[in-house]
All heavy atoms as atom14 arrays in JSON, in Angstrom:
{
  "sequence": "PQLAEMFCTIDSFDTHAKIPEYFASVDAAAKKGGNVSIISVGWDPGMF",
  "atom14_mask": [
    [1, 1, 1, 1, 1, 1, 1, 0, 0, 0, 0, 0, 0, 0],
    [1, 1, 1, 1, 1, 1, 1, 1, 1, 0, 0, 0, 0, 0],
    [1, 1, 1, 1, 1, 1, 1, 1, 0, 0, 0, 0, 0, 0],
    [1, 1, 1, 1, 1, 0, 0, 0, 0, 0, 0, 0, 0, 0],
    [1, 1, 1, 1, 1, 1, 1, 1, 1, 0, 0, 0, 0, 0],
    [1, 1, 1, 1, 1, 1, 1, 1, 0, 0, 0, 0, 0, 0],
    [1, 1, 1, 1, 1, 1, 1, 1, 1, 1, 1, 0, 0, 0],
    [1, 1, 1, 1, 1, 1, 0, 0, 0, 0, 0, 0, 0, 0],
    [1, 1, 1, 1, 1, 1, 1, 0, 0, 0, 0, 0, 0, 0],
    [1, 1, 1, 1, 1, 1, 1, 1, 0, 0, 0, 0, 0, 0],
    [1, 1, 1, 1, 1, 1, 1, 1, 0, 0, 0, 0, 0, 0],
    [1, 1, 1, 1, 1, 1, 0, 0, 0, 0, 0, 0, 0, 0],
    [1, 1, 1, 1, 1, 1, 1, 1, 1, 1, 1, 0, 0, 0],
    [1, 1, 1, 1, 1, 1, 1, 1, 0, 0, 0, 0, 0, 0],
    [1, 1, 1, 1, 1, 1, 1, 0, 0, 0, 0, 0, 0, 0],
    [1, 1, 1, 1, 1, 1, 1, 1, 1, 1, 0, 0, 0, 0],
    [1, 1, 1, 1, 1, 0, 0, 0, 0, 0, 0, 0, 0, 0],
    [1, 1, 1, 1, 1, 1, 1, 1, 1, 0, 0, 0, 0, 0],
    [1, 1, 1, 1, 1, 1, 1, 1, 0, 0, 0, 0, 0, 0],
    [1, 1, 1, 1, 1, 1, 1, 0, 0, 0, 0, 0, 0, 0],
    [1, 1, 1, 1, 1, 1, 1, 1, 1, 0, 0, 0, 0, 0],
    [1, 1, 1, 1, 1, 1, 1, 1, 1, 1, 1, 1, 0, 0],
    [1, 1, 1, 1, 1, 1, 1, 1, 1, 1, 1, 0, 0, 0],
    [1, 1, 1, 1, 1, 0, 0, 0, 0, 0, 0, 0, 0, 0],
    [1, 1, 1, 1, 1, 1, 0, 0, 0, 0, 0, 0, 0, 0],
    [1, 1, 1, 1, 1, 1, 1, 0, 0, 0, 0, 0, 0, 0],
    [1, 1, 1, 1, 1, 1, 1, 1, 0, 0, 0, 0, 0, 0],
    [1, 1, 1, 1, 1, 0, 0, 0, 0, 0, 0, 0, 0, 0],
    [1, 1, 1, 1, 1, 0, 0, 0, 0, 0, 0, 0, 0, 0],
    [1, 1, 1, 1, 1, 0, 0, 0, 0, 0, 0, 0, 0, 0],
    [1, 1, 1, 1, 1, 1, 1, 1, 1, 0, 0, 0, 0, 0],
    [1, 1, 1, 1, 1, 1, 1, 1, 1, 0, 0, 0, 0, 0],
    [1, 1, 1, 1, 0, 0, 0, 0, 0, 0, 0, 0, 0, 0],
    [1, 1, 1, 1, 0, 0, 0, 0, 0, 0, 0, 0, 0, 0],
    [1, 1, 1, 1, 1, 1, 1, 1, 0, 0, 0, 0, 0, 0],
    [1, 1, 1, 1, 1, 1, 1, 0, 0, 0, 0, 0, 0, 0],
    [1, 1, 1, 1, 1, 1, 0, 0, 0, 0, 0, 0, 0, 0],
    [1, 1, 1, 1, 1, 1, 1, 1, 0, 0, 0, 0, 0, 0],
    [1, 1, 1, 1, 1, 1, 1, 1, 0, 0, 0, 0, 0, 0],
    [1, 1, 1, 1, 1, 1, 0, 0, 0, 0, 0, 0, 0, 0],
    [1, 1, 1, 1, 1, 1, 1, 0, 0, 0, 0, 0, 0, 0],
    [1, 1, 1, 1, 0, 0, 0, 0, 0, 0, 0, 0, 0, 0],
    [1, 1, 1, 1, 1, 1, 1, 1, 1, 1, 1, 1, 1, 1],
    [1, 1, 1, 1, 1, 1, 1, 1, 0, 0, 0, 0, 0, 0],
    [1, 1, 1, 1, 1, 1, 1, 0, 0, 0, 0, 0, 0, 0],
    [1, 1, 1, 1, 0, 0, 0, 0, 0, 0, 0, 0, 0, 0],
    [1, 1, 1, 1, 1, 1, 1, 1, 0, 0, 0, 0, 0, 0],
    [1, 1, 1, 1, 1, 1, 1, 1, 1, 1, 1, 0, 0, 0]
  ],
  "atom14_positions": [
    [[1.0, 8.74, 8.12], [0.87, 10.16, 8.0], [1.34, 10.97, 9.26], [1.97, 12.06, 9.21], [-0.65, 10.48, 7.84], [-1.16, 9.2, 7.36], [-0.29, 8.1, 7.89], [0.0, 0.0, 0.0], [0.0, 0.0, 0.0], [0.0, 0.0, 0.0], [0.0, 0.0, 0.0], [0.0, 0.0, 0.0], [0.0, 0.0, 0.0], [0.0, 0.0, 0.0]],
    [[1.09, 10.4, 10.37], [1.47, 11.0, 11.64], [3.0, 11.25, 11.8], [3.5, 12.28, 12.07], [0.94, 10.2, 12.82], [1.25, 10.69, 14.23], [0.91, 9.72, 15.33], [1.46, 8.66, 15.41], [-0.15, 10.13, 16.07], [0.0, 0.0, 0.0], [0.0, 0.0, 0.0], [0.0, 0.0, 0.0], [0.0, 0.0, 0.0], [0.0, 0.0, 0.0]],
    [[3.79, 10.24, 11.46], [5.2, 10.21, 11.55], [5.91, 10.91, 10.39], [6.97, 11.5, 10.49], [5.7, 8.85, 11.74], [5.29, 8.11, 13.0], [5.77, 6.7, 13.15], [5.71, 8.97, 14.27], [0.0, 0.0, 0.0], [0.0, 0.0, 0.0], [0.0, 0.0, 0.0], [0.0, 0.0, 0.0], [0.0, 0.0, 0.0], [0.0, 0.0, 0.0]],
    [[5.27, 10.89, 9.15], [5.79, 11.63, 8.02], [5.95, 13.07, 8.25], [6.76, 13.65, 7.58], [4.97, 11.24, 6.73], [0.0, 0.0, 0.0], [0.0, 0.0, 0.0], [0.0, 0.0, 0.0], [0.0, 0.0, 0.0], [0.0, 0.0, 0.0], [0.0, 0.0, 0.0], [0.0, 0.0, 0.0], [0.0, 0.0, 0.0], [0.0, 0.0, 0.0]],
    [[5.12, 13.54, 9.01], [5.17, 15.02, 9.34], [6.47, 15.42, 10.23], [6.97, 16.48, 10.08], [3.98, 15.61, 10.04], [3.83, 17.03, 10.11], [2.51, 17.52, 10.66], [1.49, 16.81, 10.59], [2.48, 18.69, 11.24], [0.0, 0.0, 0.0], [0.0, 0.0, 0.0], [0.0, 0.0, 0.0], [0.0, 0.0, 0.0], [0.0, 0.0, 0.0]],
    [[6.87, 14.43, 10.91], [8.08, 14.65, 11.79], [9.32, 14.05, 11.29], [10.43, 14.64, 11.59], [7.8, 14.01, 13.16], [6.62, 14.63, 13.99], [6.5, 13.91, 15.62], [5.5, 12.41, 15.3], [0.0, 0.0, 0.0], [0.0, 0.0, 0.0], [0.0, 0.0, 0.0], [0.0, 0.0, 0.0], [0.0, 0.0, 0.0], [0.0, 0.0, 0.0]],
    [[9.29, 13.11, 10.54], [10.53, 12.43, 10.09], [10.44, 12.0, 8.57], [9.47, 11.81, 8.02], [10.69, 11.03, 10.86], [10.82, 11.14, 12.23], [9.75, 11.05, 13.14], [12.07, 11.22, 12.9], [9.77, 11.12, 14.53], [12.22, 11.29, 14.26], [11.06, 11.24, 15.12], [0.0, 0.0, 0.0], [0.0, 0.0, 0.0], [0.0, 0.0, 0.0]],
    [[11.68, 11.75, 8.05], [11.63, 11.03, 6.71], [11.4, 9.65, 7.04], [11.92, 8.96, 8.02], [13.08, 11.11, 6.08], [13.45, 12.73, 5.45], [0.0, 0.0, 0.0], [0.0, 0.0, 0.0], [0.0, 0.0, 0.0], [0.0, 0.0, 0.0], [0.0, 0.0, 0.0], [0.0, 0.0, 0.0], [0.0, 0.0, 0.0], [0.0, 0.0, 0.0]],
    [[10.5, 8.91, 6.3], [10.03, 7.56, 6.65], [10.09, 6.64, 5.51], [10.0, 7.02, 4.46], [8.57, 7.62, 7.24], [7.66, 8.09, 6.18], [8.52, 8.49, 8.51], [0.0, 0.0, 0.0], [0.0, 0.0, 0.0], [0.0, 0.0, 0.0], [0.0, 0.0, 0.0], [0.0, 0.0, 0.0], [0.0, 0.0, 0.0], [0.0, 0.0, 0.0]],
    [[10.14, 5.33, 5.82], [10.03, 4.21, 4.89], [8.99, 3.28, 5.52], [9.03, 3.02, 6.74], [11.36, 3.46, 4.65], [12.45, 4.46, 4.34], [11.15, 2.38, 3.7], [12.44, 5.03, 3.03], [0.0, 0.0, 0.0], [0.0, 0.0, 0.0], [0.0, 0.0, 0.0], [0.0, 0.0, 0.0], [0.0, 0.0, 0.0], [0.0, 0.0, 0.0]],
    [[8.05, 2.78, 4.74], [7.06, 1.8, 5.27], [6.85, 0.77, 4.15], [7.18, 0.86, 3.01], [5.83, 2.43, 5.71], [4.84, 3.0, 4.61], [4.56, 2.24, 3.74], [4.54, 4.23, 4.68], [0.0, 0.0, 0.0], [0.0, 0.0, 0.0], [0.0, 0.0, 0.0], [0.0, 0.0, 0.0], [0.0, 0.0, 0.0], [0.0, 0.0, 0.0]],
    [[6.05, -0.3, 4.6], [5.81, -1.43, 3.63], [4.32, -1.56, 3.52], [3.84, -2.75, 3.52], [6.47, -2.68, 4.16], [6.08, -3.05, 5.5], [0.0, 0.0, 0.0], [0.0, 0.0, 0.0], [0.0, 0.0, 0.0], [0.0, 0.0, 0.0], [0.0, 0.0, 0.0], [0.0, 0.0, 0.0], [0.0, 0.0, 0.0], [0.0, 0.0, 0.0]],
    [[3.5, -0.5, 3.6], [2.01, -0.62, 3.41], [1.74, -1.49, 2.17], [2.18, -1.17, 1.04], [1.5, 0.85, 3.2], [-0.03, 0.87, 3.14], [-0.73, 0.79, 4.36], [-0.64, 0.92, 1.97], [-2.13, 0.82, 4.4], [-2.08, 0.91, 2.01], [-2.8, 0.82, 3.12], [0.0, 0.0, 0.0], [0.0, 0.0, 0.0], [0.0, 0.0, 0.0]],
    [[1.0, -2.57, 2.42], [0.73, -3.55, 1.37], [-0.66, -3.82, 1.02], [-0.95, -4.88, 0.39], [1.56, -4.81, 1.65], [0.97, -5.58, 2.83], [0.14, -5.05, 3.48], [1.59, -6.63, 3.09], [0.0, 0.0, 0.0], [0.0, 0.0, 0.0], [0.0, 0.0, 0.0], [0.0, 0.0, 0.0], [0.0, 0.0, 0.0], [0.0, 0.0, 0.0]],
    [[-1.6, -3.01, 1.46], [-2.97, -3.24, 1.09], [-3.17, -2.46, -0.31], [-3.44, -1.29, -0.42], [-3.98, -2.59, 2.11], [-3.74, -3.1, 3.4], [-5.42, -2.92, 1.81], [0.0, 0.0, 0.0], [0.0, 0.0, 0.0], [0.0, 0.0, 0.0], [0.0, 0.0, 0.0], [0.0, 0.0, 0.0], [0.0, 0.0, 0.0], [0.0, 0.0, 0.0]],
    [[-2.94, -3.22, -1.38], [-2.89, -2.73, -2.72], [-4.07, -1.79, -3.07], [-3.88, -0.75, -3.6], [-2.8, -3.81, -3.71], [-1.61, -4.64, -3.67], [-0.48, -4.45, -4.47], [-1.14, -5.69, -2.92], [0.47, -5.23, -4.2], [0.15, -6.01, -3.25], [0.0, 0.0, 0.0], [0.0, 0.0, 0.0], [0.0, 0.0, 0.0], [0.0, 0.0, 0.0]],
    [[-5.27, -2.2, -2.73], [-6.41, -1.38, -3.09], [-6.45, -0.04, -2.38], [-7.14, 0.84, -2.93], [-7.73, -2.18, -2.69], [0.0, 0.0, 0.0], [0.0, 0.0, 0.0], [0.0, 0.0, 0.0], [0.0, 0.0, 0.0], [0.0, 0.0, 0.0], [0.0, 0.0, 0.0], [0.0, 0.0, 0.0], [0.0, 0.0, 0.0], [0.0, 0.0, 0.0]],
    [[-5.77, 0.11, -1.35], [-5.79, 1.38, -0.59], [-4.53, 2.27, -0.73], [-4.43, 3.29, -0.09], [-6.09, 1.11, 0.93], [-7.37, 0.54, 1.11], [-7.66, 0.37, 2.66], [-9.12, -0.27, 2.88], [-9.48, -0.34, 4.36], [0.0, 0.0, 0.0], [0.0, 0.0, 0.0], [0.0, 0.0, 0.0], [0.0, 0.0, 0.0], [0.0, 0.0, 0.0]],
    [[-3.61, 1.82, -1.62], [-2.41, 2.49, -1.75], [-2.58, 4.0, -2.23], [-1.96, 4.87, -1.78], [-1.34, 1.88, -2.7], [-0.75, 0.6, -1.91], [-0.24, 2.71, -3.13], [0.13, -0.26, -2.71], [0.0, 0.0, 0.0], [0.0, 0.0, 0.0], [0.0, 0.0, 0.0], [0.0, 0.0, 0.0], [0.0, 0.0, 0.0], [0.0, 0.0, 0.0]],
    [[-3.44, 4.17, -3.17], [-3.55, 5.6, -3.61], [-4.0, 6.6, -2.49], [-3.49, 7.71, -2.37], [-4.69, 5.57, -4.8], [-4.48, 4.19, -5.24], [-4.19, 3.32, -4.06], [0.0, 0.0, 0.0], [0.0, 0.0, 0.0], [0.0, 0.0, 0.0], [0.0, 0.0, 0.0], [0.0, 0.0, 0.0], [0.0, 0.0, 0.0], [0.0, 0.0, 0.0]],
    [[-5.02, 6.21, -1.75], [-5.47, 7.06, -0.66], [-4.39, 7.12, 0.49], [-4.24, 8.2, 1.09], [-6.84, 6.64, -0.04], [-6.8, 5.19, 0.61], [-8.23, 4.82, 1.01], [-9.01, 4.32, 0.12], [-8.52, 4.89, 2.23], [0.0, 0.0, 0.0], [0.0, 0.0, 0.0], [0.0, 0.0, 0.0], [0.0, 0.0, 0.0], [0.0, 0.0, 0.0]],
    [[-3.67, 6.03, 0.73], [-2.67, 6.08, 1.61], [-1.52, 7.07, 1.22], [-0.97, 7.88, 2.0], [-2.05, 4.71, 1.92], [-0.89, 4.65, 2.96], [-1.22, 4.89, 4.36], [0.37, 4.34, 2.64], [-0.2, 4.91, 5.23], [1.46, 4.32, 3.48], [1.09, 4.52, 4.83], [2.21, 4.54, 5.69], [0.0, 0.0, 0.0], [0.0, 0.0, 0.0]],
    [[-1.11, 6.9, -0.1], [-0.1, 7.83, -0.57], [-0.42, 9.24, -0.46], [0.27, 10.09, 0.03], [0.14, 7.5, -2.02], [1.14, 8.42, -2.72], [2.45, 7.95, -2.89], [0.84, 9.6, -3.3], [3.48, 8.68, -3.49], [1.75, 10.47, -3.91], [3.08, 10.03, -3.99], [0.0, 0.0, 0.0], [0.0, 0.0, 0.0], [0.0, 0.0, 0.0]],
    [[-1.76, 9.62, -0.72], [-2.18, 10.98, -0.6], [-2.09, 11.54, 0.78], [-1.71, 12.7, 1.08], [-3.71, 11.12, -1.07], [0.0, 0.0, 0.0], [0.0, 0.0, 0.0], [0.0, 0.0, 0.0], [0.0, 0.0, 0.0], [0.0, 0.0, 0.0], [0.0, 0.0, 0.0], [0.0, 0.0, 0.0], [0.0, 0.0, 0.0], [0.0, 0.0, 0.0]],
    [[-2.5, 10.65, 1.77], [-2.42, 11.13, 3.24], [-1.03, 11.36, 3.69], [-0.65, 12.31, 4.36], [-3.23, 10.13, 4.06], [-2.55, 8.98, 4.11], [0.0, 0.0, 0.0], [0.0, 0.0, 0.0], [0.0, 0.0, 0.0], [0.0, 0.0, 0.0], [0.0, 0.0, 0.0], [0.0, 0.0, 0.0], [0.0, 0.0, 0.0], [0.0, 0.0, 0.0]],
    [[-0.13, 10.46, 3.29], [1.3, 10.54, 3.68], [2.01, 11.74, 2.97], [2.8, 12.46, 3.51], [2.1, 9.24, 3.41], [3.59, 9.4, 3.6], [1.57, 8.05, 4.29], [0.0, 0.0, 0.0], [0.0, 0.0, 0.0], [0.0, 0.0, 0.0], [0.0, 0.0, 0.0], [0.0, 0.0, 0.0], [0.0, 0.0, 0.0], [0.0, 0.0, 0.0]],
    [[1.56, 11.89, 1.66], [2.19, 12.94, 0.86], [1.94, 14.35, 1.55], [2.83, 15.24, 1.61], [1.67, 12.95, -0.53], [2.24, 13.95, -1.45], [3.56, 13.95, -1.51], [1.62, 14.69, -2.17], [0.0, 0.0, 0.0], [0.0, 0.0, 0.0], [0.0, 0.0, 0.0], [0.0, 0.0, 0.0], [0.0, 0.0, 0.0], [0.0, 0.0, 0.0]],
    [[0.71, 14.53, 1.91], [0.21, 15.82, 2.61], [1.12, 16.1, 3.84], [1.58, 17.21, 4.11], [-1.28, 15.85, 2.84], [0.0, 0.0, 0.0], [0.0, 0.0, 0.0], [0.0, 0.0, 0.0], [0.0, 0.0, 0.0], [0.0, 0.0, 0.0], [0.0, 0.0, 0.0], [0.0, 0.0, 0.0], [0.0, 0.0, 0.0], [0.0, 0.0, 0.0]],
    [[1.17, 14.97, 4.69], [1.9, 15.14, 5.95], [3.4, 15.42, 5.68], [4.01, 16.31, 6.34], [1.65, 13.89, 6.78], [0.0, 0.0, 0.0], [0.0, 0.0, 0.0], [0.0, 0.0, 0.0], [0.0, 0.0, 0.0], [0.0, 0.0, 0.0], [0.0, 0.0, 0.0], [0.0, 0.0, 0.0], [0.0, 0.0, 0.0], [0.0, 0.0, 0.0]],
    [[3.97, 14.68, 4.76], [5.45, 14.79, 4.5], [5.77, 16.18, 3.87], [6.78, 16.73, 4.38], [5.93, 13.72, 3.5], [0.0, 0.0, 0.0], [0.0, 0.0, 0.0], [0.0, 0.0, 0.0], [0.0, 0.0, 0.0], [0.0, 0.0, 0.0], [0.0, 0.0, 0.0], [0.0, 0.0, 0.0], [0.0, 0.0, 0.0], [0.0, 0.0, 0.0]],
    [[4.95, 16.64, 3.09], [5.16, 18.0, 2.56], [5.1, 19.02, 3.6], [5.79, 20.05, 3.62], [4.28, 18.38, 1.34], [4.58, 17.62, 0.05], [3.58, 17.72, -0.99], [4.03, 17.08, -2.28], [3.02, 17.14, -3.4], [0.0, 0.0, 0.0], [0.0, 0.0, 0.0], [0.0, 0.0, 0.0], [0.0, 0.0, 0.0], [0.0, 0.0, 0.0]],
    [[4.08, 18.88, 4.52], [3.93, 19.81, 5.55], [5.15, 19.92, 6.48], [5.49, 20.95, 6.96], [2.67, 19.47, 6.41], [2.32, 20.43, 7.5], [1.06, 19.99, 8.23], [0.78, 20.98, 9.35], [-0.5, 20.54, 10.11], [0.0, 0.0, 0.0], [0.0, 0.0, 0.0], [0.0, 0.0, 0.0], [0.0, 0.0, 0.0], [0.0, 0.0, 0.0]],
    [[5.78, 18.72, 6.76], [6.9, 18.62, 7.54], [8.27, 18.85, 6.82], [9.32, 18.92, 7.5], [0.0, 0.0, 0.0], [0.0, 0.0, 0.0], [0.0, 0.0, 0.0], [0.0, 0.0, 0.0], [0.0, 0.0, 0.0], [0.0, 0.0, 0.0], [0.0, 0.0, 0.0], [0.0, 0.0, 0.0], [0.0, 0.0, 0.0], [0.0, 0.0, 0.0]],
    [[8.25, 18.96, 5.42], [9.47, 19.07, 4.71], [10.31, 17.85, 4.66], [11.44, 17.84, 4.55], [0.0, 0.0, 0.0], [0.0, 0.0, 0.0], [0.0, 0.0, 0.0], [0.0, 0.0, 0.0], [0.0, 0.0, 0.0], [0.0, 0.0, 0.0], [0.0, 0.0, 0.0], [0.0, 0.0, 0.0], [0.0, 0.0, 0.0], [0.0, 0.0, 0.0]],
    [[9.62, 16.64, 4.67], [10.27, 15.25, 4.78], [10.05, 14.54, 3.45], [9.08, 14.86, 2.69], [9.73, 14.58, 5.95], [10.14, 15.23, 7.28], [11.29, 15.64, 7.45], [9.21, 15.34, 8.19], [0.0, 0.0, 0.0], [0.0, 0.0, 0.0], [0.0, 0.0, 0.0], [0.0, 0.0, 0.0], [0.0, 0.0, 0.0], [0.0, 0.0, 0.0]],
    [[10.79, 13.46, 3.3], [10.61, 12.48, 2.22], [10.06, 11.17, 2.82], [10.78, 10.66, 3.79], [11.9, 12.17, 1.39], [11.72, 11.11, 0.46], [12.33, 13.55, 0.67], [0.0, 0.0, 0.0], [0.0, 0.0, 0.0], [0.0, 0.0, 0.0], [0.0, 0.0, 0.0], [0.0, 0.0, 0.0], [0.0, 0.0, 0.0], [0.0, 0.0, 0.0]],
    [[9.02, 10.68, 2.26], [8.48, 9.41, 2.79], [8.19, 8.52, 1.64], [7.49, 8.78, 0.73], [7.15, 9.64, 3.55], [7.32, 10.27, 4.7], [0.0, 0.0, 0.0], [0.0, 0.0, 0.0], [0.0, 0.0, 0.0], [0.0, 0.0, 0.0], [0.0, 0.0, 0.0], [0.0, 0.0, 0.0], [0.0, 0.0, 0.0], [0.0, 0.0, 0.0]],
    [[8.89, 7.33, 1.61], [8.69, 6.37, 0.53], [7.82, 5.25, 1.1], [8.11, 4.61, 2.09], [9.99, 5.77, 0.08], [11.06, 6.96, -0.26], [9.84, 4.94, -1.18], [12.44, 6.49, -0.65], [0.0, 0.0, 0.0], [0.0, 0.0, 0.0], [0.0, 0.0, 0.0], [0.0, 0.0, 0.0], [0.0, 0.0, 0.0], [0.0, 0.0, 0.0]],
    [[6.61, 5.15, 0.44], [5.63, 4.15, 1.02], [5.71, 2.8, 0.15], [6.22, 2.75, -0.97], [4.19, 4.77, 0.81], [3.73, 4.86, -0.55], [4.2, 6.1, 1.53], [2.25, 4.86, -0.8], [0.0, 0.0, 0.0], [0.0, 0.0, 0.0], [0.0, 0.0, 0.0], [0.0, 0.0, 0.0], [0.0, 0.0, 0.0], [0.0, 0.0, 0.0]],
    [[5.0, 1.89, 0.69], [4.77, 0.58, 0.03], [6.1, -0.06, -0.56], [6.09, -0.52, -1.66], [3.71, 0.74, -1.04], [2.5, 1.16, -0.47], [0.0, 0.0, 0.0], [0.0, 0.0, 0.0], [0.0, 0.0, 0.0], [0.0, 0.0, 0.0], [0.0, 0.0, 0.0], [0.0, 0.0, 0.0], [0.0, 0.0, 0.0], [0.0, 0.0, 0.0]],
    [[7.17, 0.04, 0.3], [8.38, -0.56, 0.01], [8.51, -2.08, 0.42], [8.15, -2.36, 1.56], [9.55, 0.27, 0.57], [10.92, -0.42, 0.41], [9.55, 1.67, 0.05], [0.0, 0.0, 0.0], [0.0, 0.0, 0.0], [0.0, 0.0, 0.0], [0.0, 0.0, 0.0], [0.0, 0.0, 0.0], [0.0, 0.0, 0.0], [0.0, 0.0, 0.0]],
    [[8.9, -2.95, -0.43], [9.08, -4.35, -0.13], [9.2, -5.11, -1.4], [9.72, -4.56, -2.4], [0.0, 0.0, 0.0], [0.0, 0.0, 0.0], [0.0, 0.0, 0.0], [0.0, 0.0, 0.0], [0.0, 0.0, 0.0], [0.0, 0.0, 0.0], [0.0, 0.0, 0.0], [0.0, 0.0, 0.0], [0.0, 0.0, 0.0], [0.0, 0.0, 0.0]],
    [[8.77, -6.32, -1.47], [8.87, -7.07, -2.74], [7.61, -7.02, -3.46], [7.57, -7.17, -4.71], [9.54, -8.46, -2.56], [8.86, -9.35, -1.55], [9.05, -9.49, -0.26], [7.9, -10.46, -1.91], [8.32, -10.5, 0.24], [7.56, -11.08, -0.74], [7.27, -10.84, -3.11], [6.7, -12.12, -0.7], [6.46, -11.95, -3.08], [6.09, -12.56, -1.91]],
    [[6.4, -6.97, -2.8], [5.24, -6.81, -3.46], [4.14, -6.16, -2.54], [3.7, -6.92, -1.65], [4.62, -7.95, -4.21], [3.64, -7.62, -5.31], [3.45, -6.4, -5.47], [3.17, -8.5, -5.94], [0.0, 0.0, 0.0], [0.0, 0.0, 0.0], [0.0, 0.0, 0.0], [0.0, 0.0, 0.0], [0.0, 0.0, 0.0], [0.0, 0.0, 0.0]],
    [[3.83, -4.9, -2.57], [4.36, -3.97, -3.54], [5.81, -3.58, -3.3], [6.38, -3.76, -2.23], [3.47, -2.74, -3.2], [3.09, -2.87, -1.77], [2.9, -4.4, -1.65], [0.0, 0.0, 0.0], [0.0, 0.0, 0.0], [0.0, 0.0, 0.0], [0.0, 0.0, 0.0], [0.0, 0.0, 0.0], [0.0, 0.0, 0.0], [0.0, 0.0, 0.0]],
    [[6.51, -3.21, -4.36], [8.0, -2.93, -4.35], [8.66, -3.53, -5.57], [8.48, -3.0, -6.67], [0.0, 0.0, 0.0], [0.0, 0.0, 0.0], [0.0, 0.0, 0.0], [0.0, 0.0, 0.0], [0.0, 0.0, 0.0], [0.0, 0.0, 0.0], [0.0, 0.0, 0.0], [0.0, 0.0, 0.0], [0.0, 0.0, 0.0], [0.0, 0.0, 0.0]],
    [[9.48, -4.39, -5.31], [10.28, -5.04, -6.32], [9.44, -5.58, -7.54], [9.74, -5.51, -8.68], [11.26, -6.06, -5.86], [12.25, -5.63, -4.79], [13.44, -4.38, -5.45], [12.64, -2.81, -5.11], [0.0, 0.0, 0.0], [0.0, 0.0, 0.0], [0.0, 0.0, 0.0], [0.0, 0.0, 0.0], [0.0, 0.0, 0.0], [0.0, 0.0, 0.0]],
    [[8.32, -6.28, -7.15], [7.48, -6.84, -8.15], [6.77, -5.74, -8.92], [6.51, -5.88, -10.17], [6.38, -7.69, -7.52], [6.88, -9.09, -7.28], [8.11, -9.49, -7.37], [5.93, -10.13, -6.93], [8.6, -10.81, -7.2], [6.22, -11.44, -6.73], [7.58, -11.82, -6.81], [0.0, 0.0, 0.0], [0.0, 0.0, 0.0], [0.0, 0.0, 0.0]]
  ]
}
């Protein structure tokens, strides 16, 4: 969330059970900064 407000970001957050709350926190920050942040990128979560 901290960096999504300043930059477009990519991360590989992989604690599956916490993805919904993590998405919400990053979404609010990215919208505030006018950026795009793609979360939980990798092979699982991600390609799988």
